[in-house]
Amino acid sequence: MGLEKFDILEEKINQLAEKYNQIKLEKDNFLSHLQKKENEILALQEKVNSLEGEKEVFRTRLDKIISHLESTAGNL
């Protein structure tokens, strides 16, 4: 009787160890996926910042062109 209980306990411990290893692997996979997504976010933030800078350059140039056209049209 005592040996049967020990076998049951041993089996439950083995199942617990397998479940632990499975969960640890899933956690590692999630962390890896999270790191990739964080890198993608950083790259996209850099791109947005760059595009915002370009937008400001275009806005300044357009303002100059519009101002020039307005002054030219005023002289006609």
Protein backbone atom coordinates (compact mmCIF):
# COMPACT_ATOMS: atom_id res chain seq x y z
CA MET A 1 0.00 0.00 0.00
CA GLY A 2 2.78 2.44 0.91
CA LEU A 3 4.58 1.77 -2.39
CA GLU A 4 1.44 2.56 -4.39
CA LYS A 5 1.10 5.94 -2.70
CA PHE A 6 4.76 6.64 -3.40
CA ASP A 7 4.24 5.74 -7.08
CA ILE A 8 1.24 8.08 -7.26
CA LEU A 9 3.26 10.86 -5.62
CA GLU A 10 6.16 10.26 -8.00
CA GLU A 11 3.82 10.42 -11.01
CA LYS A 12 2.24 13.65 -9.79
CA ILE A 13 5.69 15.19 -9.26
CA ASN A 14 6.71 14.15 -12.78
CA GLN A 15 3.52 15.67 -14.21
CA LEU A 16 4.16 18.86 -12.24
CA ALA A 17 7.75 19.04 -13.54
CA GLU A 18 6.55 18.57 -17.12
CA LYS A 19 3.91 21.28 -16.70
CA TYR A 20 6.54 23.60 -15.20
CA ASN A 21 8.87 23.04 -18.16
CA GLN A 22 5.99 23.61 -20.60
CA ILE A 23 5.00 26.87 -18.90
CA LYS A 24 8.63 28.02 -18.75
CA LEU A 25 9.01 27.39 -22.49
CA GLU A 26 5.80 29.31 -23.22
CA LYS A 27 7.03 32.19 -21.06
CA ASP A 28 10.34 32.28 -22.92
CA ASN A 29 8.48 32.29 -26.25
CA PHE A 30 6.23 35.12 -25.09
CA LEU A 31 9.22 37.14 -23.87
CA SER A 32 10.96 36.66 -27.20
CA HIS A 33 7.82 37.72 -29.06
CA LEU A 34 7.44 40.72 -26.75
CA GLN A 35 11.03 41.79 -27.40
CA LYS A 36 10.45 41.61 -31.17
CA LYS A 37 7.31 43.70 -30.87
CA GLU A 38 9.09 46.27 -28.69
CA ASN A 39 11.82 46.53 -31.32
CA GLU A 40 9.17 47.02 -34.01
CA ILE A 41 7.58 49.77 -31.91
CA LEU A 42 10.92 51.55 -31.52
CA ALA A 43 11.56 51.35 -35.26
CA LEU A 44 8.09 52.72 -36.00
CA GLN A 45 8.55 55.53 -33.49
CA GLU A 46 11.80 56.49 -35.17
CA LYS A 47 10.07 56.46 -38.55
CA VAL A 48 7.23 58.64 -37.23
CA ASN A 49 9.74 61.12 -35.80
CA SER A 50 11.56 61.23 -39.12
CA LEU A 51 8.33 61.75 -41.05
CA GLU A 52 7.25 64.49 -38.67
CA GLY A 53 10.56 66.24 -39.32
CA GLU A 54 10.06 65.92 -43.06
CA LYS A 55 6.52 67.22 -42.73
CA GLU A 56 7.80 70.31 -40.93
CA VAL A 57 10.38 70.91 -43.67
CA PHE A 58 7.68 70.63 -46.35
CA ARG A 59 5.37 72.92 -44.38
CA THR A 60 8.09 75.56 -44.13
CA ARG A 61 8.88 75.31 -47.82
CA LEU A 62 5.18 75.49 -48.77
CA ASP A 63 4.73 78.53 -46.54
CA LYS A 64 7.60 80.23 -48.37
CA ILE A 65 6.15 79.31 -51.77
CA ILE A 66 2.68 80.54 -50.79
CA SER A 67 4.13 83.74 -49.41
CA HIS A 68 6.12 84.26 -52.60
CA LEU A 69 3.01 83.61 -54.74
CA GLU A 70 0.94 85.99 -52.64
CA SER A 71 3.53 88.73 -52.96
CA THR A 72 3.82 88.08 -56.70
CA ALA A 73 0.03 88.11 -57.13
CA GLY A 74 -0.16 91.35 -55.15
CA ASN A 75 2.22 93.01 -57.60
CA LEU A 76 0.07 92.12 -60.61
